[in-house]
Amino acid sequence: MKQEAGKQIIIAIVAAVFIFLIAILLPKLIFSNAVAKISATQILELALSILAILILGKGRFAEYGFRLPAPELTQSYRMARWLTYGIAALILGALATVALLVTGAAGNPIARQLTFPQIILFVWIFSSTIEEIFTRGFLQGHLSRFIETGRTISLLKVNIPALIGALFFSLMHLSLIASGVDLKTIIILLIFTFSVGLLAGKLRAETRSLIPAVGVHMLANIGGVIGGIVFSIISFIVTGKIPVR
């Protein structure tokens, strides 16, 4: 039994790496336009994640988070928990942007090529949803079937599948190195995405649903824009200049 579980864990991680590499590399070979690359990456990541659940998970989508939050959770508990996590996600997003501006980091060059409506569509909506389906849906969901989820890492208070999902989600952003992103940006993004991954992973484990995790992810991305706006306003009031990245 343990041998089979170990085999399935390795298969899940290898499959996740394969999905990520295909989704990142293939569009770069085909497209030169930033929007086309992002669109193709998101379509591939979603399609391959669904395919992995169909094949490795035998189509048991409910076990991979495609369901409503656990009905046994009371309404008051859900609202209090989600509100707390949502505010934390907004703050994390804001702090990440402020850290980029304060340190003079260049930021994500891909996001900087997008217009604000495109950011709403591709980052806030599509990216938040698809990345959750991939990391918290397929990867964390598959690991949860073979790793005891009752135990948690005491310091972080998350179970092992959620921790692996958060770590994988964070390390995905190392791919930005290939785009020439500076070290400051990489470090800030790794910390930010790992923290958001932990929040989303904990909610996914508690509710057994992807819906709250997607919401937290969206709020974190929205918080990044809000942080930039607030910081720019304060900077203009204090120095008379708007910070430029």
C-alpha atoms as a PDB file:
ATOM      1  CA  MET A   1       0.000   0.000   0.000  1.00  0.00           C
ATOM      2  CA  LYS A   2       2.796   2.428   0.926  1.00  0.00           C
ATOM      3  CA  GLN A   3       4.686   1.468  -2.206  1.00  0.00           C
ATOM      4  CA  GLU A   4       1.641   2.220  -4.363  1.00  0.00           C
ATOM      5  CA  ALA A   5       1.113   5.551  -2.567  1.00  0.00           C
ATOM      6  CA  GLY A   6       4.750   6.503  -3.133  1.00  0.00           C
ATOM      7  CA  LYS A   7       4.428   5.604  -6.805  1.00  0.00           C
ATOM      8  CA  GLN A   8       1.307   7.740  -7.204  1.00  0.00           C
ATOM      9  CA  ILE A   9       2.956  10.699  -5.449  1.00  0.00           C
ATOM     10  CA  ILE A  10       5.929  10.543  -7.824  1.00  0.00           C
ATOM     11  CA  ILE A  11       3.598  10.217 -10.815  1.00  0.00           C
ATOM     12  CA  ALA A  12       1.609  13.280  -9.693  1.00  0.00           C
ATOM     13  CA  ILE A  13       4.717  15.445  -9.298  1.00  0.00           C
ATOM     14  CA  VAL A  14       6.216  14.280 -12.599  1.00  0.00           C
ATOM     15  CA  ALA A  15       2.890  14.904 -14.345  1.00  0.00           C
ATOM     16  CA  ALA A  16       2.701  18.397 -12.814  1.00  0.00           C
ATOM     17  CA  VAL A  17       6.222  19.216 -14.034  1.00  0.00           C
ATOM     18  CA  PHE A  18       5.342  17.893 -17.498  1.00  0.00           C
ATOM     19  CA  ILE A  19       2.138  19.961 -17.646  1.00  0.00           C
ATOM     20  CA  PHE A  20       3.955  23.094 -16.568  1.00  0.00           C
ATOM     21  CA  LEU A  21       6.847  22.696 -19.011  1.00  0.00           C
ATOM     22  CA  ILE A  22       4.571  21.999 -21.970  1.00  0.00           C
ATOM     23  CA  ALA A  23       2.298  24.936 -21.097  1.00  0.00           C
ATOM     24  CA  ILE A  24       5.257  27.312 -20.757  1.00  0.00           C
ATOM     25  CA  LEU A  25       7.601  26.183 -23.521  1.00  0.00           C
ATOM     26  CA  LEU A  26       5.272  25.299 -26.400  1.00  0.00           C
ATOM     27  CA  PRO A  27       3.632  28.764 -26.710  1.00  0.00           C
ATOM     28  CA  LYS A  28       7.088  30.398 -26.704  1.00  0.00           C
ATOM     29  CA  LEU A  29       8.062  28.327 -29.729  1.00  0.00           C
ATOM     30  CA  ILE A  30       4.900  29.209 -31.621  1.00  0.00           C
ATOM     31  CA  PHE A  31       3.941  32.772 -30.664  1.00  0.00           C
ATOM     32  CA  SER A  32       5.808  36.069 -30.289  1.00  0.00           C
ATOM     33  CA  ASN A  33       2.884  38.197 -29.100  1.00  0.00           C
ATOM     34  CA  ALA A  34       2.557  38.410 -25.303  1.00  0.00           C
ATOM     35  CA  VAL A  35      -1.223  38.009 -25.228  1.00  0.00           C
ATOM     36  CA  ALA A  36      -1.062  35.019 -27.570  1.00  0.00           C
ATOM     37  CA  LYS A  37       1.592  33.376 -25.390  1.00  0.00           C
ATOM     38  CA  ILE A  38      -0.411  33.927 -22.210  1.00  0.00           C
ATOM     39  CA  SER A  39      -3.633  32.662 -23.819  1.00  0.00           C
ATOM     40  CA  ALA A  40      -1.950  29.534 -25.193  1.00  0.00           C
ATOM     41  CA  THR A  41      -0.215  28.829 -21.874  1.00  0.00           C
ATOM     42  CA  GLN A  42      -3.475  29.097 -19.958  1.00  0.00           C
ATOM     43  CA  ILE A  43      -5.392  26.930 -22.433  1.00  0.00           C
ATOM     44  CA  LEU A  44      -2.690  24.238 -22.350  1.00  0.00           C
ATOM     45  CA  GLU A  45      -2.409  24.322 -18.556  1.00  0.00           C
ATOM     46  CA  LEU A  46      -6.172  23.944 -18.157  1.00  0.00           C
ATOM     47  CA  ALA A  47      -6.549  21.247 -20.818  1.00  0.00           C
ATOM     48  CA  LEU A  48      -3.614  19.178 -19.532  1.00  0.00           C
ATOM     49  CA  SER A  49      -4.787  19.496 -15.913  1.00  0.00           C
ATOM     50  CA  ILE A  50      -8.252  18.244 -16.866  1.00  0.00           C
ATOM     51  CA  LEU A  51      -6.672  15.433 -18.883  1.00  0.00           C
ATOM     52  CA  ALA A  52      -4.499  14.438 -15.916  1.00  0.00           C
ATOM     53  CA  ILE A  53      -7.554  14.273 -13.662  1.00  0.00           C
ATOM     54  CA  LEU A  54      -9.381  12.177 -16.256  1.00  0.00           C
ATOM     55  CA  ILE A  55      -6.483   9.737 -16.617  1.00  0.00           C
ATOM     56  CA  LEU A  56      -4.780   9.631 -13.205  1.00  0.00           C
ATOM     57  CA  GLY A  57      -7.849  10.537 -11.180  1.00  0.00           C
ATOM     58  CA  LYS A  58     -10.202   8.421 -13.301  1.00  0.00           C
ATOM     59  CA  GLY A  59     -12.475  11.418 -13.778  1.00  0.00           C
ATOM     60  CA  ARG A  60     -13.374  11.777 -10.099  1.00  0.00           C
ATOM     61  CA  PHE A  61     -13.552  15.547 -10.366  1.00  0.00           C
ATOM     62  CA  ALA A  62     -15.303  16.035  -7.018  1.00  0.00           C
ATOM     63  CA  GLU A  63     -12.239  14.588  -5.262  1.00  0.00           C
ATOM     64  CA  TYR A  64     -10.120  17.187  -7.035  1.00  0.00           C
ATOM     65  CA  GLY A  65     -12.124  20.149  -5.777  1.00  0.00           C
ATOM     66  CA  PHE A  66     -14.793  20.447  -8.474  1.00  0.00           C
ATOM     67  CA  ARG A  67     -17.588  20.707  -5.948  1.00  0.00           C
ATOM     68  CA  LEU A  68     -19.268  23.121  -3.590  1.00  0.00           C
ATOM     69  CA  PRO A  69     -17.615  23.683  -0.190  1.00  0.00           C
ATOM     70  CA  ALA A  70     -18.186  20.962   2.410  1.00  0.00           C
ATOM     71  CA  PRO A  71     -21.831  21.218   3.567  1.00  0.00           C
ATOM     72  CA  GLU A  72     -20.967  20.331   7.166  1.00  0.00           C
ATOM     73  CA  LEU A  73     -19.177  23.675   7.573  1.00  0.00           C
ATOM     74  CA  THR A  74     -21.528  26.220   9.129  1.00  0.00           C
ATOM     75  CA  GLN A  75     -22.327  29.420   7.266  1.00  0.00           C
ATOM     76  CA  SER A  76     -20.846  31.573  10.029  1.00  0.00           C
ATOM     77  CA  TYR A  77     -17.628  29.527  10.030  1.00  0.00           C
ATOM     78  CA  ARG A  78     -17.278  29.762   6.275  1.00  0.00           C
ATOM     79  CA  MET A  79     -17.871  33.513   6.210  1.00  0.00           C
ATOM     80  CA  ALA A  80     -15.443  34.194   9.061  1.00  0.00           C
ATOM     81  CA  ARG A  81     -12.780  31.918   7.609  1.00  0.00           C
ATOM     82  CA  TRP A  82     -13.093  33.177   4.049  1.00  0.00           C
ATOM     83  CA  LEU A  83     -13.170  36.802   5.165  1.00  0.00           C
ATOM     84  CA  THR A  84      -9.978  36.309   7.176  1.00  0.00           C
ATOM     85  CA  TYR A  85      -8.194  34.540   4.327  1.00  0.00           C
ATOM     86  CA  GLY A  86      -9.504  37.040   1.783  1.00  0.00           C
ATOM     87  CA  ILE A  87      -8.189  40.027   3.723  1.00  0.00           C
ATOM     88  CA  ALA A  88      -4.862  38.239   4.219  1.00  0.00           C
ATOM     89  CA  ALA A  89      -4.641  37.611   0.460  1.00  0.00           C
ATOM     90  CA  LEU A  90      -5.344  41.270  -0.339  1.00  0.00           C
ATOM     91  CA  ILE A  91      -2.654  42.353   2.113  1.00  0.00           C
ATOM     92  CA  LEU A  92      -0.138  39.878   0.701  1.00  0.00           C
ATOM     93  CA  GLY A  93      -0.774  41.132  -2.822  1.00  0.00           C
ATOM     94  CA  ALA A  94      -0.422  44.747  -1.743  1.00  0.00           C
ATOM     95  CA  LEU A  95       2.781  44.045   0.193  1.00  0.00           C
ATOM     96  CA  ALA A  96       4.304  42.227  -2.798  1.00  0.00           C
ATOM     97  CA  THR A  97       3.749  45.235  -5.068  1.00  0.00           C
ATOM     98  CA  VAL A  98       5.005  47.672  -2.444  1.00  0.00           C
ATOM     99  CA  ALA A  99       8.117  45.522  -1.967  1.00  0.00           C
ATOM    100  CA  LEU A 100       8.749  45.609  -5.723  1.00  0.00           C
ATOM    101  CA  LEU A 101       8.410  49.400  -5.795  1.00  0.00           C
ATOM    102  CA  VAL A 102      10.461  50.058  -2.662  1.00  0.00           C
ATOM    103  CA  THR A 103      13.342  47.807  -3.693  1.00  0.00           C
ATOM    104  CA  GLY A 104      13.377  49.080  -7.247  1.00  0.00           C
ATOM    105  CA  ALA A 105      12.705  45.607  -8.645  1.00  0.00           C
ATOM    106  CA  ALA A 106      11.762  45.468 -12.321  1.00  0.00           C
ATOM    107  CA  GLY A 107       8.615  43.405 -11.745  1.00  0.00           C
ATOM    108  CA  ASN A 108       7.010  40.842 -14.029  1.00  0.00           C
ATOM    109  CA  PRO A 109       7.798  41.849 -17.643  1.00  0.00           C
ATOM    110  CA  ILE A 110       4.892  39.809 -18.986  1.00  0.00           C
ATOM    111  CA  ALA A 111       2.314  41.599 -16.827  1.00  0.00           C
ATOM    112  CA  ARG A 112       3.771  44.960 -17.808  1.00  0.00           C
ATOM    113  CA  GLN A 113       2.936  44.258 -21.468  1.00  0.00           C
ATOM    114  CA  LEU A 114      -0.767  43.946 -20.665  1.00  0.00           C
ATOM    115  CA  THR A 115      -3.385  46.676 -20.586  1.00  0.00           C
ATOM    116  CA  PHE A 116      -5.526  47.007 -17.457  1.00  0.00           C
ATOM    117  CA  PRO A 117      -8.548  45.223 -19.054  1.00  0.00           C
ATOM    118  CA  GLN A 118      -6.178  42.421 -20.108  1.00  0.00           C
ATOM    119  CA  ILE A 119      -4.830  42.193 -16.549  1.00  0.00           C
ATOM    120  CA  ILE A 120      -8.388  41.781 -15.262  1.00  0.00           C
ATOM    121  CA  LEU A 121      -9.128  39.071 -17.831  1.00  0.00           C
ATOM    122  CA  PHE A 122      -5.864  37.126 -18.023  1.00  0.00           C
ATOM    123  CA  VAL A 123      -4.429  37.651 -14.513  1.00  0.00           C
ATOM    124  CA  TRP A 124      -7.328  38.232 -12.146  1.00  0.00           C
ATOM    125  CA  ILE A 125      -9.794  35.808 -13.745  1.00  0.00           C
ATOM    126  CA  PHE A 126      -8.134  33.254 -16.026  1.00  0.00           C
ATOM    127  CA  SER A 127      -4.767  32.894 -14.287  1.00  0.00           C
ATOM    128  CA  SER A 128      -6.278  32.721 -10.805  1.00  0.00           C
ATOM    129  CA  THR A 129      -8.785  30.056 -11.850  1.00  0.00           C
ATOM    130  CA  ILE A 130      -6.557  27.920 -14.077  1.00  0.00           C
ATOM    131  CA  GLU A 131      -3.536  27.931 -11.748  1.00  0.00           C
ATOM    132  CA  GLU A 132      -5.808  26.790  -8.899  1.00  0.00           C
ATOM    133  CA  ILE A 133      -7.257  23.990 -11.027  1.00  0.00           C
ATOM    134  CA  PHE A 134      -3.687  22.920 -11.791  1.00  0.00           C
ATOM    135  CA  THR A 135      -1.961  23.244  -8.388  1.00  0.00           C
ATOM    136  CA  ARG A 136      -4.761  22.934  -5.834  1.00  0.00           C
ATOM    137  CA  GLY A 137      -7.040  20.874  -8.074  1.00  0.00           C
ATOM    138  CA  PHE A 138      -4.874  18.300  -9.802  1.00  0.00           C
ATOM    139  CA  LEU A 139      -1.631  18.300  -7.777  1.00  0.00           C
ATOM    140  CA  GLN A 140      -2.928  18.828  -4.232  1.00  0.00           C
ATOM    141  CA  GLY A 141      -6.039  16.803  -5.013  1.00  0.00           C
ATOM    142  CA  HIS A 142      -4.072  13.816  -6.280  1.00  0.00           C
ATOM    143  CA  LEU A 143      -1.583  13.932  -3.412  1.00  0.00           C
ATOM    144  CA  SER A 144      -4.432  14.099  -0.897  1.00  0.00           C
ATOM    145  CA  ARG A 145      -5.648  10.713  -2.117  1.00  0.00           C
ATOM    146  CA  PHE A 146      -2.372   9.040  -1.096  1.00  0.00           C
ATOM    147  CA  ILE A 147      -0.968  11.149   1.766  1.00  0.00           C
ATOM    148  CA  GLU A 148      -2.557  11.264   5.207  1.00  0.00           C
ATOM    149  CA  THR A 149      -4.149  14.709   5.323  1.00  0.00           C
ATOM    150  CA  GLY A 150      -4.928  14.764   9.044  1.00  0.00           C
ATOM    151  CA  ARG A 151      -1.328  15.589   9.952  1.00  0.00           C
ATOM    152  CA  THR A 152      -0.105  19.143   9.560  1.00  0.00           C
ATOM    153  CA  ILE A 153       3.269  20.850   9.570  1.00  0.00           C
ATOM    154  CA  SER A 154       3.081  22.447  13.037  1.00  0.00           C
ATOM    155  CA  LEU A 155       4.797  25.716  12.185  1.00  0.00           C
ATOM    156  CA  LEU A 156       2.743  26.426   9.060  1.00  0.00           C
ATOM    157  CA  LYS A 157      -0.363  24.493  10.148  1.00  0.00           C
ATOM    158  CA  VAL A 158      -0.889  23.006   6.695  1.00  0.00           C
ATOM    159  CA  ASN A 159      -0.975  19.388   5.613  1.00  0.00           C
ATOM    160  CA  ILE A 160       1.686  17.937   3.326  1.00  0.00           C
ATOM    161  CA  PRO A 161      -0.366  17.976   0.067  1.00  0.00           C
ATOM    162  CA  ALA A 162      -1.172  21.665   0.609  1.00  0.00           C
ATOM    163  CA  LEU A 163       2.477  22.425   1.392  1.00  0.00           C
ATOM    164  CA  ILE A 164       3.715  20.622  -1.738  1.00  0.00           C
ATOM    165  CA  GLY A 165       1.098  22.401  -3.841  1.00  0.00           C
ATOM    166  CA  ALA A 166       2.144  25.800  -2.444  1.00  0.00           C
ATOM    167  CA  LEU A 167       5.827  25.059  -2.995  1.00  0.00           C
ATOM    168  CA  PHE A 168       5.230  23.879  -6.558  1.00  0.00           C
ATOM    169  CA  PHE A 169       3.092  26.946  -7.295  1.00  0.00           C
ATOM    170  CA  SER A 170       5.874  29.195  -6.015  1.00  0.00           C
ATOM    171  CA  LEU A 171       8.650  27.419  -7.928  1.00  0.00           C
ATOM    172  CA  MET A 172       6.636  27.722 -11.145  1.00  0.00           C
ATOM    173  CA  HIS A 173       7.574  31.398 -11.131  1.00  0.00           C
ATOM    174  CA  LEU A 174      11.263  30.574 -11.494  1.00  0.00           C
ATOM    175  CA  SER A 175      10.456  30.293 -15.193  1.00  0.00           C
ATOM    176  CA  LEU A 176      10.564  34.108 -15.255  1.00  0.00           C
ATOM    177  CA  ILE A 177      14.352  33.853 -15.038  1.00  0.00           C
ATOM    178  CA  ALA A 178      14.290  32.868 -18.713  1.00  0.00           C
ATOM    179  CA  SER A 179      12.646  36.234 -19.435  1.00  0.00           C
ATOM    180  CA  GLY A 180      15.535  38.079 -17.809  1.00  0.00           C
ATOM    181  CA  VAL A 181      13.710  39.011 -14.608  1.00  0.00           C
ATOM    182  CA  ASP A 182      15.972  40.469 -11.921  1.00  0.00           C
ATOM    183  CA  LEU A 183      16.801  38.646  -8.683  1.00  0.00           C
ATOM    184  CA  LYS A 184      14.819  41.063  -6.483  1.00  0.00           C
ATOM    185  CA  THR A 185      11.641  40.375  -8.437  1.00  0.00           C
ATOM    186  CA  ILE A 186      12.196  36.607  -8.315  1.00  0.00           C
ATOM    187  CA  ILE A 187      12.712  36.568  -4.534  1.00  0.00           C
ATOM    188  CA  ILE A 188       9.647  38.744  -3.866  1.00  0.00           C
ATOM    189  CA  LEU A 189       7.473  36.681  -6.203  1.00  0.00           C
ATOM    190  CA  LEU A 190       8.628  33.389  -4.670  1.00  0.00           C
ATOM    191  CA  ILE A 191       7.737  34.592  -1.171  1.00  0.00           C
ATOM    192  CA  PHE A 192       4.429  36.081  -2.317  1.00  0.00           C
ATOM    193  CA  THR A 193       3.282  33.069  -4.341  1.00  0.00           C
ATOM    194  CA  PHE A 194       4.303  30.579  -1.653  1.00  0.00           C
ATOM    195  CA  SER A 195       2.325  32.534   0.960  1.00  0.00           C
ATOM    196  CA  VAL A 196      -0.739  32.774  -1.279  1.00  0.00           C
ATOM    197  CA  GLY A 197      -0.349  29.085  -2.102  1.00  0.00           C
ATOM    198  CA  LEU A 198      -0.468  28.209   1.597  1.00  0.00           C
ATOM    199  CA  LEU A 199      -3.664  30.234   2.098  1.00  0.00           C
ATOM    200  CA  ALA A 200      -5.329  28.690  -0.945  1.00  0.00           C
ATOM    201  CA  GLY A 201      -4.103  25.214  -0.011  1.00  0.00           C
ATOM    202  CA  LYS A 202      -5.457  25.468   3.535  1.00  0.00           C
ATOM    203  CA  LEU A 203      -8.866  26.578   2.251  1.00  0.00           C
ATOM    204  CA  ARG A 204      -8.866  23.821  -0.354  1.00  0.00           C
ATOM    205  CA  ALA A 205      -8.120  21.244   2.355  1.00  0.00           C
ATOM    206  CA  GLU A 206     -10.696  22.625   4.788  1.00  0.00           C
ATOM    207  CA  THR A 207     -13.564  23.018   2.308  1.00  0.00           C
ATOM    208  CA  ARG A 208     -12.585  20.263  -0.171  1.00  0.00           C
ATOM    209  CA  SER A 209     -13.554  22.766  -2.869  1.00  0.00           C
ATOM    210  CA  LEU A 210     -11.572  24.864  -5.335  1.00  0.00           C
ATOM    211  CA  ILE A 211     -14.020  27.771  -5.169  1.00  0.00           C
ATOM    212  CA  PRO A 212     -12.622  29.454  -2.011  1.00  0.00           C
ATOM    213  CA  ALA A 213      -9.046  28.841  -3.214  1.00  0.00           C
ATOM    214  CA  VAL A 214      -9.777  30.564  -6.529  1.00  0.00           C
ATOM    215  CA  GLY A 215     -11.327  33.477  -4.614  1.00  0.00           C
ATOM    216  CA  VAL A 216      -8.223  33.879  -2.437  1.00  0.00           C
ATOM    217  CA  HIS A 217      -5.973  33.755  -5.499  1.00  0.00           C
ATOM    218  CA  MET A 218      -8.036  36.438  -7.251  1.00  0.00           C
ATOM    219  CA  LEU A 219      -7.977  38.693  -4.193  1.00  0.00           C
ATOM    220  CA  ALA A 220      -4.201  38.357  -3.944  1.00  0.00           C
ATOM    221  CA  ASN A 221      -3.817  39.490  -7.558  1.00  0.00           C
ATOM    222  CA  ILE A 222      -6.290  42.332  -7.026  1.00  0.00           C
ATOM    223  CA  GLY A 223      -4.398  43.318  -3.880  1.00  0.00           C
ATOM    224  CA  GLY A 224      -1.256  43.704  -5.985  1.00  0.00           C
ATOM    225  CA  VAL A 225      -2.907  46.409  -8.082  1.00  0.00           C
ATOM    226  CA  ILE A 226      -4.446  48.094  -5.046  1.00  0.00           C
ATOM    227  CA  GLY A 227      -1.052  48.140  -3.308  1.00  0.00           C
ATOM    228  CA  GLY A 228       0.516  49.828  -6.313  1.00  0.00           C
ATOM    229  CA  ILE A 229      -2.204  52.478  -6.465  1.00  0.00           C
ATOM    230  CA  VAL A 230      -2.069  53.262  -2.730  1.00  0.00           C
ATOM    231  CA  PHE A 231       1.733  53.392  -2.709  1.00  0.00           C
ATOM    232  CA  SER A 232       1.754  55.696  -5.740  1.00  0.00           C
ATOM    233  CA  ILE A 233      -0.735  58.065  -4.106  1.00  0.00           C
ATOM    234  CA  ILE A 234       1.232  58.208  -0.859  1.00  0.00           C
ATOM    235  CA  SER A 235       4.497  58.682  -2.747  1.00  0.00           C
ATOM    236  CA  PHE A 236       3.003  61.523  -4.789  1.00  0.00           C
ATOM    237  CA  ILE A 237       1.711  63.239  -1.644  1.00  0.00           C
ATOM    238  CA  VAL A 238       5.070  62.930   0.115  1.00  0.00           C
ATOM    239  CA  THR A 239       7.524  63.504  -2.744  1.00  0.00           C
ATOM    240  CA  GLY A 240       5.434  65.032  -5.507  1.00  0.00           C
ATOM    241  CA  LYS A 241       6.499  62.181  -7.816  1.00  0.00           C
ATOM    242  CA  ILE A 242       4.797  58.999  -8.955  1.00  0.00           C
ATOM    243  CA  PRO A 243       7.069  55.930  -8.681  1.00  0.00           C
ATOM    244  CA  VAL A 244       7.874  54.317 -12.013  1.00  0.00           C
ATOM    245  CA  ARG A 245       9.034  50.708 -12.467  1.00  0.00           C
END
